[in-house]
Every structure is written in structure tokens, then in C-alpha cells.
Amino acid sequence: MCVCVCKCVCVHTCMYVYVYLQVSLHAETSMMTPKNLAIVFAPNLLRPFTETADTAINDTQNVLACIQSMIENAPTIFADGISLT
């Protein structure tokens, strides 16, 4: 039960974060493209269990690509209910 609740809370939280990051739809005026948003938010959204200088250097591009992809595909990933209400 606890694991199920945690997963639901985590998915719900992720949904809100990625809906918020849809500000990238207005990148022409805000200059916040999915890539720029990923650069800003990736270090806080996706971290290794053990962070070392090597993991920080080696994993940065993969983490950025992952977060950028999630921002770009949020409507598909959270198709069941993507709204801020």
C-alpha cells in the first residue's frame, strides 16, 4: 500500500512539474526552450544515488536529454490527466 501511494504521489508530482514546464510552448518570447528548461531543472529532478565528480561529468548530457524529452513529451506521458486544476 505504501509503495502504491508513493508511486501515485510521485507520478502526480511529476505531472504538475512537467505541466508547469510547458512554458517552453512560449519559447519564442520567453527564450525558455525545452533544452534551456532541462539545463535549469535537470540537476534537481534527476540525480544519481551517489554523486561524484565522475558521475556529474559523465552523466550530465544523458540527464539533460532525459529531462528535455520528458518536457517535450509531457502531454503524451501524462495523457490521462494533464491539467493544473
PDB file of N, CA and C in Angstrom:
ATOM      1  N   MET A   1       0.820  -1.204   0.000  1.00  0.00           N
ATOM      2  CA  MET A   1       0.000   0.000   0.000  1.00  0.00           C
ATOM      3  C   MET A   1       0.860   1.262   0.000  1.00  0.00           C
ATOM      4  N   CYS A   2       1.871   1.291   0.845  1.00  0.00           N
ATOM      5  CA  CYS A   2       2.736   2.460   0.933  1.00  0.00           C
ATOM      6  C   CYS A   2       3.447   2.709  -0.393  1.00  0.00           C
ATOM      7  N   VAL A   3       3.945   1.641  -1.018  1.00  0.00           N
ATOM      8  CA  VAL A   3       4.642   1.795  -2.296  1.00  0.00           C
ATOM      9  C   VAL A   3       3.691   2.342  -3.346  1.00  0.00           C
ATOM     10  N   CYS A   4       2.478   1.838  -3.377  1.00  0.00           N
ATOM     11  CA  CYS A   4       1.478   2.302  -4.330  1.00  0.00           C
ATOM     12  C   CYS A   4       1.173   3.778  -4.119  1.00  0.00           C
ATOM     13  N   VAL A   5       1.000   4.188  -2.887  1.00  0.00           N
ATOM     14  CA  VAL A   5       0.707   5.587  -2.576  1.00  0.00           C
ATOM     15  C   VAL A   5       1.886   6.464  -2.983  1.00  0.00           C
ATOM     16  N   CYS A   6       3.106   6.011  -2.681  1.00  0.00           N
ATOM     17  CA  CYS A   6       4.296   6.781  -3.051  1.00  0.00           C
ATOM     18  C   CYS A   6       4.388   6.933  -4.561  1.00  0.00           C
ATOM     19  N   LYS A   7       4.125   5.858  -5.286  1.00  0.00           N
ATOM     20  CA  LYS A   7       4.182   5.939  -6.742  1.00  0.00           C
ATOM     21  C   LYS A   7       3.136   6.911  -7.265  1.00  0.00           C
ATOM     22  N   CYS A   8       1.933   6.871  -6.703  1.00  0.00           N
ATOM     23  CA  CYS A   8       0.873   7.790  -7.138  1.00  0.00           C
ATOM     24  C   CYS A   8       1.252   9.227  -6.854  1.00  0.00           C
ATOM     25  N   VAL A   9       1.779   9.482  -5.683  1.00  0.00           N
ATOM     26  CA  VAL A   9       2.189  10.835  -5.311  1.00  0.00           C
ATOM     27  C   VAL A   9       3.311  11.297  -6.224  1.00  0.00           C
ATOM     28  N   CYS A  10       4.266  10.426  -6.492  1.00  0.00           N
ATOM     29  CA  CYS A  10       5.395  10.770  -7.344  1.00  0.00           C
ATOM     30  C   CYS A  10       4.924  11.078  -8.768  1.00  0.00           C
ATOM     31  N   VAL A  11       4.064  10.244  -9.309  1.00  0.00           N
ATOM     32  CA  VAL A  11       3.544  10.472 -10.660  1.00  0.00           C
ATOM     33  C   VAL A  11       2.754  11.770 -10.701  1.00  0.00           C
ATOM     34  N   HIS A  12       1.934  12.013  -9.689  1.00  0.00           N
ATOM     35  CA  HIS A  12       1.140  13.236  -9.636  1.00  0.00           C
ATOM     36  C   HIS A  12       2.047  14.468  -9.556  1.00  0.00           C
ATOM     37  N   THR A  13       3.074  14.389  -8.735  1.00  0.00           N
ATOM     38  CA  THR A  13       4.022  15.494  -8.611  1.00  0.00           C
ATOM     39  C   THR A  13       4.739  15.729  -9.932  1.00  0.00           C
ATOM     40  N   CYS A  14       5.193  14.659 -10.567  1.00  0.00           N
ATOM     41  CA  CYS A  14       5.860  14.784 -11.859  1.00  0.00           C
ATOM     42  C   CYS A  14       4.945  15.420 -12.889  1.00  0.00           C
ATOM     43  N   MET A  15       3.683  15.021 -12.875  1.00  0.00           N
ATOM     44  CA  MET A  15       2.731  15.589 -13.814  1.00  0.00           C
ATOM     45  C   MET A  15       2.657  17.105 -13.643  1.00  0.00           C
ATOM     46  N   TYR A  16       2.545  17.579 -12.425  1.00  0.00           N
ATOM     47  CA  TYR A  16       2.467  19.016 -12.184  1.00  0.00           C
ATOM     48  C   TYR A  16       3.748  19.727 -12.612  1.00  0.00           C
ATOM     49  N   VAL A  17       4.884  19.131 -12.326  1.00  0.00           N
ATOM     50  CA  VAL A  17       6.161  19.746 -12.705  1.00  0.00           C
ATOM     51  C   VAL A  17       6.247  19.874 -14.220  1.00  0.00           C
ATOM     52  N   TYR A  18       5.931  18.805 -14.927  1.00  0.00           N
ATOM     53  CA  TYR A  18       6.065  18.843 -16.377  1.00  0.00           C
ATOM     54  C   TYR A  18       4.988  19.680 -17.048  1.00  0.00           C
ATOM     55  N   VAL A  19       3.826  19.789 -16.460  1.00  0.00           N
ATOM     56  CA  VAL A  19       2.818  20.715 -16.996  1.00  0.00           C
ATOM     57  C   VAL A  19       3.336  22.139 -16.829  1.00  0.00           C
ATOM     58  N   TYR A  20       3.896  22.426 -15.678  1.00  0.00           N
ATOM     59  CA  TYR A  20       4.458  23.750 -15.431  1.00  0.00           C
ATOM     60  C   TYR A  20       5.555  24.066 -16.449  1.00  0.00           C
ATOM     61  N   LEU A  21       6.356  23.063 -16.766  1.00  0.00           N
ATOM     62  CA  LEU A  21       7.471  23.282 -17.688  1.00  0.00           C
ATOM     63  C   LEU A  21       7.022  23.422 -19.140  1.00  0.00           C
ATOM     64  N   GLN A  22       5.726  23.340 -19.388  1.00  0.00           N
ATOM     65  CA  GLN A  22       5.222  23.566 -20.732  1.00  0.00           C
ATOM     66  C   GLN A  22       5.322  25.044 -21.118  1.00  0.00           C
ATOM     67  N   VAL A  23       5.932  25.834 -20.248  1.00  0.00           N
ATOM     68  CA  VAL A  23       6.242  27.221 -20.592  1.00  0.00           C
ATOM     69  C   VAL A  23       7.085  27.235 -21.869  1.00  0.00           C
ATOM     70  N   SER A  24       7.702  26.129 -22.194  1.00  0.00           N
ATOM     71  CA  SER A  24       8.506  26.028 -23.408  1.00  0.00           C
ATOM     72  C   SER A  24       7.667  26.235 -24.666  1.00  0.00           C
ATOM     73  N   LEU A  25       6.355  26.089 -24.551  1.00  0.00           N
ATOM     74  CA  LEU A  25       5.485  26.337 -25.694  1.00  0.00           C
ATOM     75  C   LEU A  25       5.526  27.806 -26.116  1.00  0.00           C
ATOM     76  N   HIS A  26       5.992  28.655 -25.209  1.00  0.00           N
ATOM     77  CA  HIS A  26       6.096  30.089 -25.488  1.00  0.00           C
ATOM     78  C   HIS A  26       7.555  30.506 -25.625  1.00  0.00           C
ATOM     79  N   ALA A  27       8.379  29.604 -26.134  1.00  0.00           N
ATOM     80  CA  ALA A  27       9.823  29.832 -26.216  1.00  0.00           C
ATOM     81  C   ALA A  27      10.193  31.017 -27.102  1.00  0.00           C
ATOM     82  N   GLU A  28       9.323  31.349 -28.044  1.00  0.00           N
ATOM     83  CA  GLU A  28       9.627  32.482 -28.920  1.00  0.00           C
ATOM     84  C   GLU A  28       9.767  33.774 -28.124  1.00  0.00           C
ATOM     85  N   THR A  29       8.967  33.912 -27.092  1.00  0.00           N
ATOM     86  CA  THR A  29       9.026  35.132 -26.285  1.00  0.00           C
ATOM     87  C   THR A  29       9.811  34.941 -24.992  1.00  0.00           C
ATOM     88  N   SER A  30       9.736  33.760 -24.404  1.00  0.00           N
ATOM     89  CA  SER A  30      10.404  33.539 -23.116  1.00  0.00           C
ATOM     90  C   SER A  30      11.847  33.074 -23.256  1.00  0.00           C
ATOM     91  N   MET A  31      12.218  32.585 -24.442  1.00  0.00           N
ATOM     92  CA  MET A  31      13.549  32.024 -24.707  1.00  0.00           C
ATOM     93  C   MET A  31      13.835  30.773 -23.871  1.00  0.00           C
ATOM     94  N   MET A  32      12.811  30.222 -23.253  1.00  0.00           N
ATOM     95  CA  MET A  32      12.976  29.007 -22.447  1.00  0.00           C
ATOM     96  C   MET A  32      12.509  27.801 -23.259  1.00  0.00           C
ATOM     97  N   THR A  33      13.404  27.303 -24.078  1.00  0.00           N
ATOM     98  CA  THR A  33      13.148  26.113 -24.873  1.00  0.00           C
ATOM     99  C   THR A  33      13.191  24.887 -23.964  1.00  0.00           C
ATOM    100  N   PRO A  34      12.716  23.739 -24.420  1.00  0.00           N
ATOM    101  CA  PRO A  34      12.839  22.540 -23.591  1.00  0.00           C
ATOM    102  C   PRO A  34      14.284  22.261 -23.172  1.00  0.00           C
ATOM    103  N   LYS A  35      15.231  22.533 -24.049  1.00  0.00           N
ATOM    104  CA  LYS A  35      16.641  22.318 -23.693  1.00  0.00           C
ATOM    105  C   LYS A  35      17.081  23.267 -22.581  1.00  0.00           C
ATOM    106  N   ASN A  36      16.709  24.547 -22.686  1.00  0.00           N
ATOM    107  CA  ASN A  36      17.077  25.513 -21.645  1.00  0.00           C
ATOM    108  C   ASN A  36      16.434  25.158 -20.306  1.00  0.00           C
ATOM    109  N   LEU A  37      15.167  24.744 -20.346  1.00  0.00           N
ATOM    110  CA  LEU A  37      14.493  24.332 -19.111  1.00  0.00           C
ATOM    111  C   LEU A  37      15.162  23.101 -18.505  1.00  0.00           C
ATOM    112  N   ALA A  38      15.575  22.186 -19.359  1.00  0.00           N
ATOM    113  CA  ALA A  38      16.264  20.987 -18.873  1.00  0.00           C
ATOM    114  C   ALA A  38      17.575  21.357 -18.189  1.00  0.00           C
ATOM    115  N   ILE A  39      18.298  22.299 -18.752  1.00  0.00           N
ATOM    116  CA  ILE A  39      19.564  22.735 -18.147  1.00  0.00           C
ATOM    117  C   ILE A  39      19.322  23.290 -16.743  1.00  0.00           C
ATOM    118  N   VAL A  40      18.232  24.039 -16.587  1.00  0.00           N
ATOM    119  CA  VAL A  40      17.926  24.661 -15.291  1.00  0.00           C
ATOM    120  C   VAL A  40      17.417  23.637 -14.273  1.00  0.00           C
ATOM    121  N   PHE A  41      16.490  22.763 -14.697  1.00  0.00           N
ATOM    122  CA  PHE A  41      15.797  21.891 -13.747  1.00  0.00           C
ATOM    123  C   PHE A  41      16.387  20.494 -13.594  1.00  0.00           C
ATOM    124  N   ALA A  42      17.135  20.011 -14.565  1.00  0.00           N
ATOM    125  CA  ALA A  42      17.639  18.623 -14.529  1.00  0.00           C
ATOM    126  C   ALA A  42      18.422  18.282 -13.262  1.00  0.00           C
ATOM    127  N   PRO A  43      19.320  19.141 -12.802  1.00  0.00           N
ATOM    128  CA  PRO A  43      20.074  18.775 -11.597  1.00  0.00           C
ATOM    129  C   PRO A  43      19.198  18.541 -10.366  1.00  0.00           C
ATOM    130  N   ASN A  44      18.009  19.124 -10.351  1.00  0.00           N
ATOM    131  CA  ASN A  44      17.117  18.952  -9.205  1.00  0.00           C
ATOM    132  C   ASN A  44      16.112  17.828  -9.393  1.00  0.00           C
ATOM    133  N   LEU A  45      15.842  17.457 -10.633  1.00  0.00           N
ATOM    134  CA  LEU A  45      14.830  16.449 -10.905  1.00  0.00           C
ATOM    135  C   LEU A  45      15.379  15.035 -11.026  1.00  0.00           C
ATOM    136  N   LEU A  46      16.620  14.912 -11.443  1.00  0.00           N
ATOM    137  CA  LEU A  46      17.184  13.592 -11.686  1.00  0.00           C
ATOM    138  C   LEU A  46      18.629  13.569 -11.214  1.00  0.00           C
ATOM    139  N   ARG A  47      18.855  12.853 -10.111  1.00  0.00           N
ATOM    140  CA  ARG A  47      20.192  12.795  -9.517  1.00  0.00           C
ATOM    141  C   ARG A  47      20.581  11.347  -9.295  1.00  0.00           C
ATOM    142  N   PRO A  48      21.878  11.051  -9.391  1.00  0.00           N
ATOM    143  CA  PRO A  48      22.330   9.688  -9.071  1.00  0.00           C
ATOM    144  C   PRO A  48      22.265   9.447  -7.567  1.00  0.00           C
ATOM    145  N   PHE A  49      22.196   8.162  -7.176  1.00  0.00           N
ATOM    146  CA  PHE A  49      22.187   7.842  -5.745  1.00  0.00           C
ATOM    147  C   PHE A  49      23.461   8.325  -5.080  1.00  0.00           C
ATOM    148  N   THR A  50      24.576   8.116  -5.764  1.00  0.00           N
ATOM    149  CA  THR A  50      25.856   8.569  -5.248  1.00  0.00           C
ATOM    150  C   THR A  50      26.463   9.511  -6.280  1.00  0.00           C
ATOM    151  N   GLU A  51      26.588  10.768  -5.910  1.00  0.00           N
ATOM    152  CA  GLU A  51      27.105  11.745  -6.853  1.00  0.00           C
ATOM    153  C   GLU A  51      28.583  11.986  -6.600  1.00  0.00           C
ATOM    154  N   THR A  52      29.351  11.772  -7.636  1.00  0.00           N
ATOM    155  CA  THR A  52      30.791  12.044  -7.583  1.00  0.00           C
ATOM    156  C   THR A  52      31.120  12.977  -8.741  1.00  0.00           C
ATOM    157  N   ALA A  53      32.333  13.450  -8.786  1.00  0.00           N
ATOM    158  CA  ALA A  53      32.751  14.304  -9.898  1.00  0.00           C
ATOM    159  C   ALA A  53      32.632  13.554 -11.218  1.00  0.00           C
ATOM    160  N   ASP A  54      32.978  12.256 -11.200  1.00  0.00           N
ATOM    161  CA  ASP A  54      32.893  11.455 -12.425  1.00  0.00           C
ATOM    162  C   ASP A  54      31.454  11.303 -12.907  1.00  0.00           C
ATOM    163  N   THR A  55      30.537  11.005 -12.004  1.00  0.00           N
ATOM    164  CA  THR A  55      29.144  10.846 -12.433  1.00  0.00           C
ATOM    165  C   THR A  55      28.574  12.172 -12.909  1.00  0.00           C
ATOM    166  N   ALA A  56      28.947  13.248 -12.258  1.00  0.00           N
ATOM    167  CA  ALA A  56      28.458  14.564 -12.668  1.00  0.00           C
ATOM    168  C   ALA A  56      28.914  14.892 -14.081  1.00  0.00           C
ATOM    169  N   ILE A  57      30.152  14.605 -14.377  1.00  0.00           N
ATOM    170  CA  ILE A  57      30.708  14.896 -15.704  1.00  0.00           C
ATOM    171  C   ILE A  57      30.155  13.942 -16.755  1.00  0.00           C
ATOM    172  N   ASN A  58      30.142  12.657 -16.440  1.00  0.00           N
ATOM    173  CA  ASN A  58      29.768  11.639 -17.424  1.00  0.00           C
ATOM    174  C   ASN A  58      28.271  11.555 -17.686  1.00  0.00           C
ATOM    175  N   ASP A  59      27.444  11.878 -16.714  1.00  0.00           N
ATOM    176  CA  ASP A  59      26.008  11.681 -16.855  1.00  0.00           C
ATOM    177  C   ASP A  59      25.236  12.943 -17.247  1.00  0.00           C
ATOM    178  N   THR A  60      25.871  14.077 -17.246  1.00  0.00           N
ATOM    179  CA  THR A  60      25.170  15.338 -17.460  1.00  0.00           C
ATOM    180  C   THR A  60      24.377  15.353 -18.762  1.00  0.00           C
ATOM    181  N   GLN A  61      24.990  14.985 -19.860  1.00  0.00           N
ATOM    182  CA  GLN A  61      24.303  15.034 -21.152  1.00  0.00           C
ATOM    183  C   GLN A  61      23.125  14.076 -21.208  1.00  0.00           C
ATOM    184  N   ASN A  62      23.276  12.892 -20.606  1.00  0.00           N
ATOM    185  CA  ASN A  62      22.170  11.932 -20.587  1.00  0.00           C
ATOM    186  C   ASN A  62      21.010  12.438 -19.738  1.00  0.00           C
ATOM    187  N   VAL A  63      21.322  13.040 -18.606  1.00  0.00           N
ATOM    188  CA  VAL A  63      20.283  13.583 -17.727  1.00  0.00           C
ATOM    189  C   VAL A  63      19.553  14.722 -18.428  1.00  0.00           C
ATOM    190  N   LEU A  64      20.300  15.610 -19.069  1.00  0.00           N
ATOM    191  CA  LEU A  64      19.674  16.722 -19.798  1.00  0.00           C
ATOM    192  C   LEU A  64      18.762  16.208 -20.907  1.00  0.00           C
ATOM    193  N   ALA A  65      19.232  15.212 -21.651  1.00  0.00           N
ATOM    194  CA  ALA A  65      18.427  14.646 -22.741  1.00  0.00           C
ATOM    195  C   ALA A  65      17.150  14.006 -22.206  1.00  0.00           C
ATOM    196  N   CYS A  66      17.252  13.332 -21.077  1.00  0.00           N
ATOM    197  CA  CYS A  66      16.089  12.686 -20.466  1.00  0.00           C
ATOM    198  C   CYS A  66      15.051  13.721 -20.038  1.00  0.00           C
ATOM    199  N   ILE A  67      15.468  14.733 -19.321  1.00  0.00           N
ATOM    200  CA  ILE A  67      14.544  15.762 -18.844  1.00  0.00           C
ATOM    201  C   ILE A  67      13.959  16.553 -20.017  1.00  0.00           C
ATOM    202  N   GLN A  68      14.781  16.867 -21.003  1.00  0.00           N
ATOM    203  CA  GLN A  68      14.289  17.573 -22.184  1.00  0.00           C
ATOM    204  C   GLN A  68      13.214  16.750 -22.882  1.00  0.00           C
ATOM    205  N   SER A  69      13.456  15.476 -23.026  1.00  0.00           N
ATOM    206  CA  SER A  69      12.482  14.588 -23.663  1.00  0.00           C
ATOM    207  C   SER A  69      11.182  14.532 -22.860  1.00  0.00           C
ATOM    208  N   MET A  70      11.296  14.483 -21.539  1.00  0.00           N
ATOM    209  CA  MET A  70      10.098  14.446 -20.702  1.00  0.00           C
ATOM    210  C   MET A  70       9.308  15.748 -20.807  1.00  0.00           C
ATOM    211  N   ILE A  71       9.994  16.878 -20.913  1.00  0.00           N
ATOM    212  CA  ILE A  71       9.305  18.157 -21.078  1.00  0.00           C
ATOM    213  C   ILE A  71       8.582  18.180 -22.415  1.00  0.00           C
ATOM    214  N   GLU A  72       9.266  17.758 -23.466  1.00  0.00           N
ATOM    215  CA  GLU A  72       8.685  17.779 -24.805  1.00  0.00           C
ATOM    216  C   GLU A  72       7.514  16.814 -24.951  1.00  0.00           C
ATOM    217  N   ASN A  73       7.548  15.715 -24.212  1.00  0.00           N
ATOM    218  CA  ASN A  73       6.531  14.673 -24.362  1.00  0.00           C
ATOM    219  C   ASN A  73       5.563  14.577 -23.192  1.00  0.00           C
ATOM    220  N   ALA A  74       5.523  15.577 -22.345  1.00  0.00           N
ATOM    221  CA  ALA A  74       4.641  15.543 -21.176  1.00  0.00           C
ATOM    222  C   ALA A  74       3.182  15.270 -21.522  1.00  0.00           C
ATOM    223  N   PRO A  75       2.635  15.872 -22.582  1.00  0.00           N
ATOM    224  CA  PRO A  75       1.229  15.578 -22.898  1.00  0.00           C
ATOM    225  C   PRO A  75       0.981  14.103 -23.217  1.00  0.00           C
ATOM    226  N   THR A  76       1.944  13.443 -23.813  1.00  0.00           N
ATOM    227  CA  THR A  76       1.810  12.020 -24.128  1.00  0.00           C
ATOM    228  C   THR A  76       2.042  11.167 -22.889  1.00  0.00           C
ATOM    229  N   ILE A  77       3.067  11.512 -22.119  1.00  0.00           N
ATOM    230  CA  ILE A  77       3.412  10.731 -20.924  1.00  0.00           C
ATOM    231  C   ILE A  77       2.281  10.774 -19.910  1.00  0.00           C
ATOM    232  N   PHE A  78       1.683  11.944 -19.730  1.00  0.00           N
ATOM    233  CA  PHE A  78       0.628  12.122 -18.745  1.00  0.00           C
ATOM    234  C   PHE A  78      -0.728  12.320 -19.418  1.00  0.00           C
ATOM    235  N   ALA A  79      -0.979  11.549 -20.458  1.00  0.00           N
ATOM    236  CA  ALA A  79      -2.211  11.701 -21.264  1.00  0.00           C
ATOM    237  C   ALA A  79      -3.482  11.503 -20.448  1.00  0.00           C
ATOM    238  N   ASP A  80      -3.413  10.781 -19.327  1.00  0.00           N
ATOM    239  CA  ASP A  80      -4.605  10.508 -18.530  1.00  0.00           C
ATOM    240  C   ASP A  80      -5.171  11.752 -17.841  1.00  0.00           C
ATOM    241  N   GLY A  81      -4.321  12.702 -17.542  1.00  0.00           N
ATOM    242  CA  GLY A  81      -4.829  13.871 -16.827  1.00  0.00           C
ATOM    243  C   GLY A  81      -3.768  14.923 -16.690  1.00  0.00           C
ATOM    244  N   ILE A  82      -3.593  15.729 -17.698  1.00  0.00           N
ATOM    245  CA  ILE A  82      -2.550  16.741 -17.674  1.00  0.00           C
ATOM    246  C   ILE A  82      -3.188  18.113 -17.552  1.00  0.00           C
ATOM    247  N   SER A  83      -3.422  18.510 -16.332  1.00  0.00           N
ATOM    248  CA  SER A  83      -4.033  19.811 -16.101  1.00  0.00           C
ATOM    249  C   SER A  83      -3.617  20.310 -14.740  1.00  0.00           C
ATOM    250  N   LEU A  84      -3.654  21.596 -14.577  1.00  0.00           N
ATOM    251  CA  LEU A  84      -3.232  22.188 -13.307  1.00  0.00           C
ATOM    252  C   LEU A  84      -4.403  22.431 -12.369  1.00  0.00           C
ATOM    253  N   THR A  85      -5.582  21.979 -12.708  1.00  0.00           N
ATOM    254  CA  THR A  85      -6.734  22.208 -11.844  1.00  0.00           C
ATOM    255  C   THR A  85      -6.926  21.078 -10.878  1.00  0.00           C
TER     256      THR A  85
END
